[in-house]
Each structure stands twice: as C-alpha cells, then as structure tokens.
C-alpha cells in the first residue's frame, strides 16, 4: 500500500474507523477520503456506487457498521441485520466494480458458535449455533465474510476479513442503552463516583469471560494486514487473554477510584459464557498487541472523563 495511495475509510467517525485514520496518518498516508453519514447513506446502493465512481479509491477499510450491546442487538434485530447487510454489500460490490486493489472487512468475534471450544480458532467458523441475543448482527457479518470470499474466488479480488474481539478506547459509545459492557461499566462507575451512589449494578452473574482489545491496537493490526496479508481465510484479532466480567468491574472500579459496592443482577442475560480468540495465526503473521488492559482502561478514562 503506497504512501500516496487513495484510501477510503468507511465509518471514519466511529471508534474503529477514526482509529484507523489516526494510524494511517501517523504512518504517512495522507490521501485518505471519507464521507459522513449525512453526506453518504451507505445503505443506498446508487449513492455508494456514485461515490466510488467519483473518488476511485485504491484501498478500502470497511469499518462502517451499526453496532450495539446485548440490549440493542436483542431489541432491534431487524435494524441490525438490514443496515449491516446493506452497508457491507454496497461497499464490497462497489469496490469490485471500481477495481479497488484491496479491501479489508471488519467482522466480529460474535460470528462464532455460542458454545465454541475455547480459545476459538478461525476453523470453528460456521460450526455451531450462534448466541441468540445478537444472531442478527452475527449473520450480517457472516454474509460479509462469505461475500468477500466469493468475490475473491469468482472475480480474483483481494478482499480480506478480520474478526476483532471486544473493543474499547477513544470514540466508544458510552450510552447505557446501546453500549457494550466495558464502556457501559466506565460510565456507570464514573456516574456512581460523581453522584456518591452506594452501589453499582452489574448485569448478569459476573461469571462470563471476555477478551478486550484497545482500538488503537486493532487499527495497527488492520493497517499491518492490509500491507502484508492476501488470503481469503479470516483472521482473529485479539490479545489471547480474557477476564471475567466481575474482575473487569473491579479493575474499572479501582481505575476510577469508586469506593462503593458491586451488585450483580442475575435476572439480566449473561450472553456467551466465554469468548476467547485463538490468535496464534495472527502471531504467525508477525503481529501482536501492545496495550495491556489496565493501561488501556486508564488512558481511555483519562481521555474521555470530561465528556461523561
């Protein structure tokens, strides 16, 4: 990927897209194009094709998506499957029609079976039933993966797909109705400390295990693989280590300096019992994460504290 190459980052204002733009800029890539959702509705096929015909990007990072936590995924399944299939279908097909040299598709670790053997290898893809609370989102992402693989096979495209684990960092969503667990906990503990609340309620039992990757590490991996990886096989992106939700809550509590009690609401869903990615393939390709969870949470909170 040449330094003067024209690069389109879809979803450049989101957490992942903005991190990719930061990483590209820091590495000397200056010919980056983007369009906000106000200027370009990625669900509109004609608008997307006209954008590609006009801009003619050489490389595409497909980071645009409708995302949310358990509550949003479970209550708005139609929105999640429709929006995401439209967005990725339009961009992938437009990339093919306009001779894009290479495209990177951002999938999700939720594509794997709910009860997959741990840690989860790339070969477990399509090997069992999905977690029902976010199956609509997962199926959309699965369609994106298969679309990239199919275009590679039929049209000799170079479309790669990566499966990040749970992400956190700058520009995350801290809305308690739609956010994922880590940013939601940061918001809860921050508000509890600010308002001197005696306890913080945590959804579920606290037993599920989750893996977390700082979004700047994901951006670094994305640019690295765009430069070095050219296969149809999906690639897991993660740290290879996980933590229970209870221990995560304690880590965030201590980082923020909250002194109250933790209460676990067992009536709320836990989701998948454990979701740890096997990242041995990623390591064999020459990339490893750099930001540990404790430092990542501390730096993230320091950056967004005034915005909460």
Protein backbone atom coordinates (compact mmCIF):
# COMPACT_ATOMS: atom_id res chain seq x y z
CA UNK A 1 0.00 0.00 0.00
CA UNK A 2 1.88 3.04 -1.31
CA UNK A 3 2.08 6.17 0.85
CA UNK A 4 0.29 8.24 -1.81
CA UNK A 5 -2.42 5.62 -2.43
CA UNK A 6 -6.01 6.80 -2.27
CA UNK A 7 -7.61 5.14 0.75
CA UNK A 8 -11.29 5.14 1.66
CA UNK A 9 -12.12 4.57 5.33
CA UNK A 10 -15.81 3.77 5.63
CA UNK A 11 -17.07 4.71 9.07
CA UNK A 12 -14.28 7.20 9.73
CA UNK A 13 -16.12 8.89 12.60
CA UNK A 14 -16.71 5.69 14.54
CA UNK A 15 -14.41 4.18 17.13
CA UNK A 16 -12.70 1.77 14.71
CA UNK A 17 -12.71 4.00 11.65
CA UNK A 18 -11.28 7.01 13.49
CA UNK A 19 -8.53 4.82 14.98
CA UNK A 20 -7.64 3.54 11.50
CA UNK A 21 -7.45 7.11 10.21
CA UNK A 22 -5.16 8.05 13.11
CA UNK A 23 -2.92 5.06 12.40
CA UNK A 24 -2.76 5.72 8.66
CA UNK A 25 -1.96 9.40 9.23
CA UNK A 26 0.78 8.56 11.73
CA UNK A 27 2.38 6.25 9.15
CA UNK A 28 2.46 8.94 6.46
CA UNK A 29 -0.66 8.12 4.45
CA UNK A 30 -2.21 11.45 3.50
CA UNK A 31 -4.57 10.67 0.61
CA UNK A 32 -7.47 9.49 2.77
CA UNK A 33 -11.06 10.01 1.63
CA UNK A 34 -14.20 9.69 3.74
CA UNK A 35 -17.81 10.77 3.84
CA UNK A 36 -20.09 11.32 6.83
CA UNK A 37 -23.47 9.61 7.10
CA UNK A 38 -25.08 12.98 6.37
CA UNK A 39 -23.28 13.17 3.03
CA UNK A 40 -23.44 9.49 2.08
CA UNK A 41 -26.04 6.93 3.18
CA UNK A 42 -24.12 3.66 2.86
CA UNK A 43 -27.42 1.76 2.78
CA UNK A 44 -28.20 3.44 -0.56
CA UNK A 45 -26.68 1.35 -3.34
CA UNK A 46 -26.80 4.03 -6.01
CA UNK A 47 -25.25 6.66 -3.74
CA UNK A 48 -22.40 4.29 -2.81
CA UNK A 49 -21.68 3.41 -6.43
CA UNK A 50 -21.65 7.08 -7.44
CA UNK A 51 -19.23 7.82 -4.58
CA UNK A 52 -16.85 5.06 -5.74
CA UNK A 53 -17.08 6.18 -9.37
CA UNK A 54 -16.18 9.72 -8.36
CA UNK A 55 -13.44 9.02 -5.79
CA UNK A 56 -11.90 5.84 -7.28
CA UNK A 57 -10.22 4.65 -4.05
CA UNK A 58 -7.41 2.12 -4.41
CA UNK A 59 -7.79 0.66 -0.91
CA UNK A 60 -10.85 0.37 1.33
CA UNK A 61 -11.16 -0.18 5.09
CA UNK A 62 -14.77 -1.26 5.67
CA UNK A 63 -15.25 -0.20 9.29
CA UNK A 64 -18.77 1.21 8.91
CA UNK A 65 -21.45 -0.74 10.77
CA UNK A 66 -24.46 -0.45 13.04
CA UNK A 67 -23.23 -1.70 16.41
CA UNK A 68 -24.52 -2.03 19.97
CA UNK A 69 -24.54 -4.10 23.13
CA UNK A 70 -26.74 -7.02 24.21
CA UNK A 71 -29.84 -4.88 24.80
CA UNK A 72 -29.67 -3.06 21.46
CA UNK A 73 -28.82 -6.22 19.50
CA UNK A 74 -31.65 -8.18 21.07
CA UNK A 75 -34.34 -5.49 20.81
CA UNK A 76 -33.55 -4.17 17.31
CA UNK A 77 -32.66 -7.29 15.33
CA UNK A 78 -34.28 -6.09 12.11
CA UNK A 79 -32.32 -2.83 12.17
CA UNK A 80 -29.03 -4.61 12.80
CA UNK A 81 -29.41 -7.21 10.05
CA UNK A 82 -30.83 -4.80 7.45
CA UNK A 83 -28.43 -1.89 7.98
CA UNK A 84 -25.31 -4.00 8.16
CA UNK A 85 -26.11 -6.19 5.17
CA UNK A 86 -26.93 -3.11 3.10
CA UNK A 87 -23.76 -1.24 4.12
CA UNK A 88 -21.31 -4.06 3.51
CA UNK A 89 -23.00 -5.35 0.35
CA UNK A 90 -22.98 -1.92 -1.27
CA UNK A 91 -19.34 -1.20 -0.41
CA UNK A 92 -17.96 -4.64 -1.32
CA UNK A 93 -19.75 -4.70 -4.67
CA UNK A 94 -18.78 -1.10 -5.47
CA UNK A 95 -15.16 -1.97 -4.64
CA UNK A 96 -15.28 -4.81 -7.15
CA UNK A 97 -17.00 -2.72 -9.85
CA UNK A 98 -14.47 0.11 -9.46
CA UNK A 99 -11.34 -2.06 -9.43
CA UNK A 100 -10.28 -1.44 -5.84
CA UNK A 101 -6.88 -3.08 -5.29
CA UNK A 102 -7.66 -4.34 -1.81
CA UNK A 103 -10.44 -4.20 0.77
CA UNK A 104 -10.36 -5.02 4.47
CA UNK A 105 -13.69 -6.08 6.01
CA UNK A 106 -14.19 -5.70 9.76
CA UNK A 107 -16.15 -8.65 11.06
CA UNK A 108 -16.74 -9.60 14.69
CA UNK A 109 -15.98 -12.45 17.06
CA UNK A 110 -19.75 -12.92 17.50
CA UNK A 111 -19.74 -14.85 14.20
CA UNK A 112 -18.51 -17.90 16.12
CA UNK A 113 -20.80 -20.51 17.77
CA UNK A 114 -22.06 -19.68 21.26
CA UNK A 115 -20.52 -22.81 22.75
CA UNK A 116 -17.38 -22.96 20.64
CA UNK A 117 -14.37 -24.70 22.11
CA UNK A 118 -12.02 -22.20 23.77
CA UNK A 119 -9.89 -20.50 22.63
CA UNK A 120 -11.77 -20.01 19.36
CA UNK A 121 -9.86 -20.93 16.21
CA UNK A 122 -10.74 -19.49 12.81
CA UNK A 123 -11.66 -23.04 11.72
CA UNK A 124 -14.68 -23.01 14.10
CA UNK A 125 -16.46 -20.57 11.77
CA UNK A 126 -19.95 -21.89 10.85
CA UNK A 127 -19.50 -24.88 13.17
CA UNK A 128 -22.48 -24.39 15.52
CA UNK A 129 -25.40 -22.28 16.71
CA UNK A 130 -24.95 -18.57 17.37
CA UNK A 131 -25.62 -16.60 20.55
CA UNK A 132 -29.35 -15.74 20.13
CA UNK A 133 -29.15 -12.22 21.61
CA UNK A 134 -27.01 -10.97 18.71
CA UNK A 135 -27.59 -13.53 15.96
CA UNK A 136 -28.97 -10.92 13.53
CA UNK A 137 -25.77 -8.87 13.72
CA UNK A 138 -23.65 -12.01 13.52
CA UNK A 139 -25.46 -13.29 10.43
CA UNK A 140 -24.92 -9.95 8.71
CA UNK A 141 -21.19 -10.17 9.45
CA UNK A 142 -21.11 -13.78 8.25
CA UNK A 143 -22.69 -12.64 4.98
CA UNK A 144 -19.93 -10.04 4.63
CA UNK A 145 -17.22 -12.65 5.13
CA UNK A 146 -18.74 -15.02 2.58
CA UNK A 147 -19.23 -12.15 0.14
CA UNK A 148 -15.54 -11.21 0.34
CA UNK A 149 -14.50 -14.84 -0.09
CA UNK A 150 -16.89 -15.31 -3.02
CA UNK A 151 -15.65 -12.21 -4.84
CA UNK A 152 -12.07 -13.37 -4.32
CA UNK A 153 -12.94 -16.75 -5.84
CA UNK A 154 -15.10 -15.59 -8.74
CA UNK A 155 -13.54 -12.24 -9.62
CA UNK A 156 -9.95 -12.63 -8.31
CA UNK A 157 -10.43 -9.73 -5.87
CA UNK A 158 -8.17 -9.17 -2.88
CA UNK A 159 -10.74 -8.73 -0.11
CA UNK A 160 -9.58 -9.78 3.37
CA UNK A 161 -11.66 -10.25 6.54
CA UNK A 162 -10.60 -9.80 10.15
CA UNK A 163 -12.50 -10.79 13.29
CA UNK A 164 -11.74 -8.48 16.21
CA UNK A 165 -12.61 -9.39 19.77
CA UNK A 166 -14.40 -6.94 22.11
CA UNK A 167 -13.05 -3.42 21.58
CA UNK A 168 -12.70 -0.32 23.73
CA UNK A 169 -10.98 3.05 23.55
CA UNK A 170 -11.45 6.62 22.29
CA UNK A 171 -14.71 7.42 20.47
CA UNK A 172 -16.52 4.46 22.00
CA UNK A 173 -20.25 4.57 22.72
CA UNK A 174 -20.96 5.34 26.39
CA UNK A 175 -24.78 5.36 26.14
CA UNK A 176 -26.02 2.86 28.72
CA UNK A 177 -28.87 1.74 26.45
CA UNK A 178 -26.72 0.82 23.45
CA UNK A 179 -23.11 0.42 24.61
CA UNK A 180 -21.01 -2.69 25.11
CA UNK A 181 -20.01 -3.90 28.56
CA UNK A 182 -16.66 -2.13 29.09
CA UNK A 183 -17.73 1.42 28.15
CA UNK A 184 -21.02 0.87 29.99
CA UNK A 185 -19.11 -0.02 33.15
CA UNK A 186 -16.85 3.03 32.80
CA UNK A 187 -19.94 5.22 32.55
CA UNK A 188 -21.67 3.51 35.49
CA UNK A 189 -18.69 3.78 37.82
CA UNK A 190 -17.95 7.36 36.79
CA UNK A 191 -21.54 8.43 37.50
CA UNK A 192 -21.63 6.47 40.76
CA UNK A 193 -18.45 8.20 41.97
CA UNK A 194 -19.62 11.63 40.80
CA UNK A 195 -23.03 11.24 42.49
CA UNK A 196 -21.74 9.34 45.56
CA UNK A 197 -24.00 6.36 44.87
CA UNK A 198 -23.65 3.48 47.37
CA UNK A 199 -23.58 0.72 44.76
CA UNK A 200 -23.22 -0.04 41.05
CA UNK A 201 -25.46 -2.62 39.39
CA UNK A 202 -23.78 -5.07 37.01
CA UNK A 203 -25.81 -7.07 34.52
CA UNK A 204 -25.74 -10.85 34.94
CA UNK A 205 -23.71 -13.02 37.27
CA UNK A 206 -20.27 -11.58 36.55
CA UNK A 207 -19.05 -15.06 35.59
CA UNK A 208 -18.75 -14.74 31.78
CA UNK A 209 -15.21 -14.39 30.46
CA UNK A 210 -14.39 -11.75 27.87
CA UNK A 211 -11.34 -10.64 25.91
CA UNK A 212 -10.74 -6.93 25.29
CA UNK A 213 -8.56 -5.19 22.71
CA UNK A 214 -7.74 -1.49 22.61
CA UNK A 215 -8.99 0.03 19.36
CA UNK A 216 -5.57 1.53 18.59
CA UNK A 217 -4.16 -2.00 18.59
CA UNK A 218 -6.93 -3.08 16.21
CA UNK A 219 -6.09 -0.17 13.90
CA UNK A 220 -2.42 -1.14 13.97
CA UNK A 221 -3.32 -4.75 13.11
CA UNK A 222 -5.66 -3.60 10.33
CA UNK A 223 -3.01 -1.50 8.61
CA UNK A 224 -0.41 -4.23 9.11
CA UNK A 225 -2.63 -6.88 7.48
CA UNK A 226 -3.60 -4.54 4.67
CA UNK A 227 0.12 -4.27 3.96
CA UNK A 228 1.07 -7.91 4.44
CA UNK A 229 -1.90 -10.32 4.19
CA UNK A 230 -3.56 -11.50 0.96
CA UNK A 231 -5.61 -14.60 1.78
CA UNK A 232 -9.36 -15.29 1.91
CA UNK A 233 -9.16 -17.04 5.29
CA UNK A 234 -10.48 -14.95 8.18
CA UNK A 235 -8.01 -13.73 10.81
CA UNK A 236 -8.77 -13.37 14.53
CA UNK A 237 -7.59 -10.10 16.09
CA UNK A 238 -7.21 -10.10 19.86
CA UNK A 239 -4.89 -10.41 22.83
CA UNK A 240 -5.25 -14.12 23.56
CA UNK A 241 -6.15 -13.42 27.22
CA UNK A 242 -9.51 -12.88 28.92
CA UNK A 243 -11.04 -11.65 32.18
CA UNK A 244 -14.33 -12.27 33.99
CA UNK A 245 -16.93 -9.52 33.95
CA UNK A 246 -16.68 -9.40 37.74
CA UNK A 247 -12.92 -8.86 37.63
CA UNK A 248 -13.32 -6.32 34.83
CA UNK A 249 -15.78 -4.40 37.01
CA UNK A 250 -13.28 -4.41 39.88
CA UNK A 251 -10.49 -3.20 37.57
CA UNK A 252 -12.63 -0.32 36.30
CA UNK A 253 -13.84 0.46 39.83
CA UNK A 254 -10.24 0.77 41.05
CA UNK A 255 -9.15 2.77 37.98
CA UNK A 256 -11.91 5.32 38.50
CA UNK A 257 -11.49 5.35 42.27
CA UNK A 258 -15.03 4.35 43.23
CA UNK A 259 -15.43 3.05 46.79
CA UNK A 260 -19.00 1.71 46.73
CA UNK A 261 -20.47 -1.78 46.41
CA UNK A 262 -20.95 -4.02 43.38
CA UNK A 263 -24.35 -5.69 42.92
CA UNK A 264 -24.96 -8.30 40.25
CA UNK A 265 -28.43 -8.50 38.71
CA UNK A 266 -28.90 -12.21 37.95
CA UNK A 267 -32.17 -11.53 36.10
CA UNK A 268 -30.22 -9.90 33.26
CA UNK A 269 -28.63 -12.04 30.50
CA UNK A 270 -25.02 -13.13 30.66
CA UNK A 271 -24.67 -13.83 26.95
CA UNK A 272 -21.99 -16.25 25.79
CA UNK A 273 -20.25 -17.94 28.77
CA UNK A 274 -16.76 -17.42 27.34
CA UNK A 275 -15.37 -15.88 24.19
CA UNK A 276 -11.61 -16.01 23.84
CA UNK A 277 -9.98 -15.90 20.43
CA UNK A 278 -7.08 -18.09 19.40
CA UNK A 279 -4.65 -15.55 17.94
CA UNK A 280 -1.84 -17.95 17.06
CA UNK A 281 -2.48 -17.44 13.33
CA UNK A 282 -2.23 -13.66 13.78
CA UNK A 283 1.02 -14.08 15.71
CA UNK A 284 2.39 -16.29 12.94
CA UNK A 285 1.73 -13.43 10.52
CA UNK A 286 4.01 -11.19 12.59
CA UNK A 287 1.64 -9.05 14.69
CA UNK A 288 0.96 -8.91 18.45
CA UNK A 289 -0.98 -6.42 20.58
CA UNK A 290 0.93 -3.77 22.54
CA UNK A 291 -1.57 -2.20 25.01
CA UNK A 292 -2.44 -4.16 28.16
CA UNK A 293 -5.95 -3.90 29.60
CA UNK A 294 -5.11 -2.00 32.78
CA UNK A 295 -3.14 0.69 30.95
CA UNK A 296 -5.71 0.85 28.17
CA UNK A 297 -8.61 1.45 30.54
CA UNK A 298 -6.64 4.10 32.44
CA UNK A 299 -5.67 6.00 29.29
CA UNK A 300 -9.19 5.75 27.89
CA UNK A 301 -10.78 7.08 31.08
CA UNK A 302 -8.30 9.93 31.27
CA UNK A 303 -9.20 10.89 27.71
CA UNK A 304 -13.00 10.69 27.97
CA UNK A 305 -13.63 11.58 31.63
CA UNK A 306 -14.62 15.16 30.90
CA UNK A 307 -17.10 14.01 28.25
CA UNK A 308 -19.11 11.69 30.50
